[in-house]
Amino acid sequence: MEEQYFNEIRERFCLTSPEIRTGKMMRSEAITYQGKVFAFFSRKKRMVFKLGKEFDPDSLGIDIQVFNPFKNRGALHGWFEVPFTGKEQWEPLTKRALGVLKNEL
């Protein structure tokens, strides 16, 4: 169910621009812009977004955490994960992550 919802979002975004494509991030399915990942579906069945180091996760009032896939290293700064319980924010956060990436390029 979670992965299907991610795939629907990814498909919609890929249809908007030839520069937005499917990809991989840490062996997980991802969405890329010009070959760079800005959102992906983690093995914990959460959606992960590159929102930047300045992003305040408390600003949304939902369960959103800094993404830390490592056992012995620190978190990936600027990356945040949202569980399926916050799925209503997955698509808006995908759009926001795309904007963040476009500003970096």
Protein backbone atom coordinates (compact mmCIF):
# COMPACT_ATOMS: atom_id res chain seq x y z
CA MET A 1 0.00 0.00 0.00
CA GLU A 2 2.75 2.49 0.98
CA GLU A 3 4.94 1.63 -1.99
CA GLN A 4 1.98 1.83 -4.37
CA TYR A 5 1.23 5.35 -3.13
CA PHE A 6 4.89 6.33 -3.61
CA ASN A 7 4.79 4.91 -7.15
CA GLU A 8 1.68 6.96 -7.96
CA ILE A 9 3.40 10.15 -6.79
CA ARG A 10 6.56 9.29 -8.72
CA GLU A 11 4.59 8.60 -11.89
CA ARG A 12 2.75 11.94 -11.64
CA PHE A 13 6.02 13.83 -11.19
CA CYS A 14 7.75 11.97 -14.03
CA LEU A 15 4.92 12.98 -16.37
CA THR A 16 5.47 16.69 -15.65
CA SER A 17 8.99 16.98 -17.09
CA PRO A 18 11.46 14.87 -19.09
CA GLU A 19 14.13 15.91 -16.55
CA ILE A 20 12.25 14.08 -13.77
CA ARG A 21 12.86 10.34 -13.89
CA THR A 22 12.91 7.20 -11.82
CA GLY A 23 16.16 6.29 -10.12
CA LYS A 24 17.74 4.61 -7.13
CA MET A 25 18.99 5.79 -3.74
CA MET A 26 20.65 3.23 -1.48
CA ARG A 27 19.01 0.44 -3.53
CA SER A 28 15.58 2.04 -2.98
CA GLU A 29 13.24 3.41 -5.62
CA ALA A 30 13.71 7.15 -6.10
CA ILE A 31 12.67 10.24 -8.04
CA THR A 32 15.44 12.21 -9.73
CA TYR A 33 15.82 15.58 -11.41
CA GLN A 34 18.69 15.86 -13.88
CA GLY A 35 20.05 12.62 -12.41
CA LYS A 36 20.03 13.81 -8.79
CA VAL A 37 17.74 12.20 -6.20
CA PHE A 38 15.34 14.46 -4.33
CA ALA A 39 12.90 11.88 -2.91
CA PHE A 40 12.82 8.13 -2.41
CA PHE A 41 10.98 5.26 -0.74
CA SER A 42 12.96 3.70 2.11
CA ARG A 43 13.07 0.06 3.15
CA LYS A 44 11.22 1.13 6.32
CA LYS A 45 8.26 1.98 4.06
CA ARG A 46 8.68 5.70 4.58
CA MET A 47 9.15 8.43 2.05
CA VAL A 48 12.39 10.38 2.33
CA PHE A 49 12.90 13.93 1.03
CA LYS A 50 15.89 16.20 0.49
CA LEU A 51 14.57 19.38 2.12
CA GLY A 52 17.85 21.07 3.05
CA LYS A 53 19.67 21.71 6.30
CA GLU A 54 17.63 24.83 7.03
CA PHE A 55 14.29 22.98 6.93
CA ASP A 56 12.46 22.99 10.27
CA PRO A 57 10.68 19.64 10.70
CA ASP A 58 8.52 21.06 13.50
CA SER A 59 6.98 23.56 11.06
CA LEU A 60 4.59 20.97 9.60
CA GLY A 61 3.12 19.54 12.77
CA ILE A 62 3.45 15.95 11.52
CA ASP A 63 5.69 12.98 12.30
CA ILE A 64 8.82 13.90 10.34
CA GLN A 65 12.35 12.98 11.36
CA VAL A 66 15.91 13.49 10.20
CA PHE A 67 16.81 10.51 8.03
CA ASN A 68 19.47 8.28 9.58
CA PRO A 69 19.99 4.98 7.74
CA PHE A 70 23.30 4.24 9.45
CA LYS A 71 23.96 2.34 12.67
CA ASN A 72 27.40 3.78 13.38
CA ARG A 73 27.35 7.18 11.68
CA GLY A 74 25.36 10.37 11.93
CA ALA A 75 22.20 11.26 10.06
CA LEU A 76 22.10 12.52 6.48
CA HIS A 77 21.73 16.24 7.05
CA GLY A 78 19.04 17.85 4.97
CA TRP A 79 17.17 14.57 4.42
CA PHE A 80 13.90 13.87 6.26
CA GLU A 81 11.61 10.85 6.43
CA VAL A 82 7.85 10.74 6.80
CA PRO A 83 5.89 7.57 7.64
CA PHE A 84 2.73 6.55 5.82
CA THR A 85 0.65 8.09 8.62
CA GLY A 86 1.74 11.46 7.13
CA LYS A 87 1.00 10.44 3.54
CA GLU A 88 -1.08 13.58 2.95
CA GLN A 89 2.23 15.46 3.05
CA TRP A 90 4.16 13.12 0.74
CA GLU A 91 3.19 14.85 -2.49
CA PRO A 92 3.58 18.44 -1.20
CA LEU A 93 6.97 17.49 0.28
CA THR A 94 8.01 15.90 -3.02
CA LYS A 95 7.24 19.21 -4.73
CA ARG A 96 9.14 21.12 -2.04
CA ALA A 97 12.16 18.78 -2.34
CA LEU A 98 12.18 19.28 -6.12
CA GLY A 99 12.26 23.05 -5.56
CA VAL A 100 15.15 22.71 -3.10
CA LEU A 101 17.13 20.66 -5.61
CA LYS A 102 16.44 23.07 -8.48
CA ASN A 103 17.75 25.95 -6.33
CA GLU A 104 20.96 24.02 -5.65
CA LEU A 105 21.69 23.42 -9.33
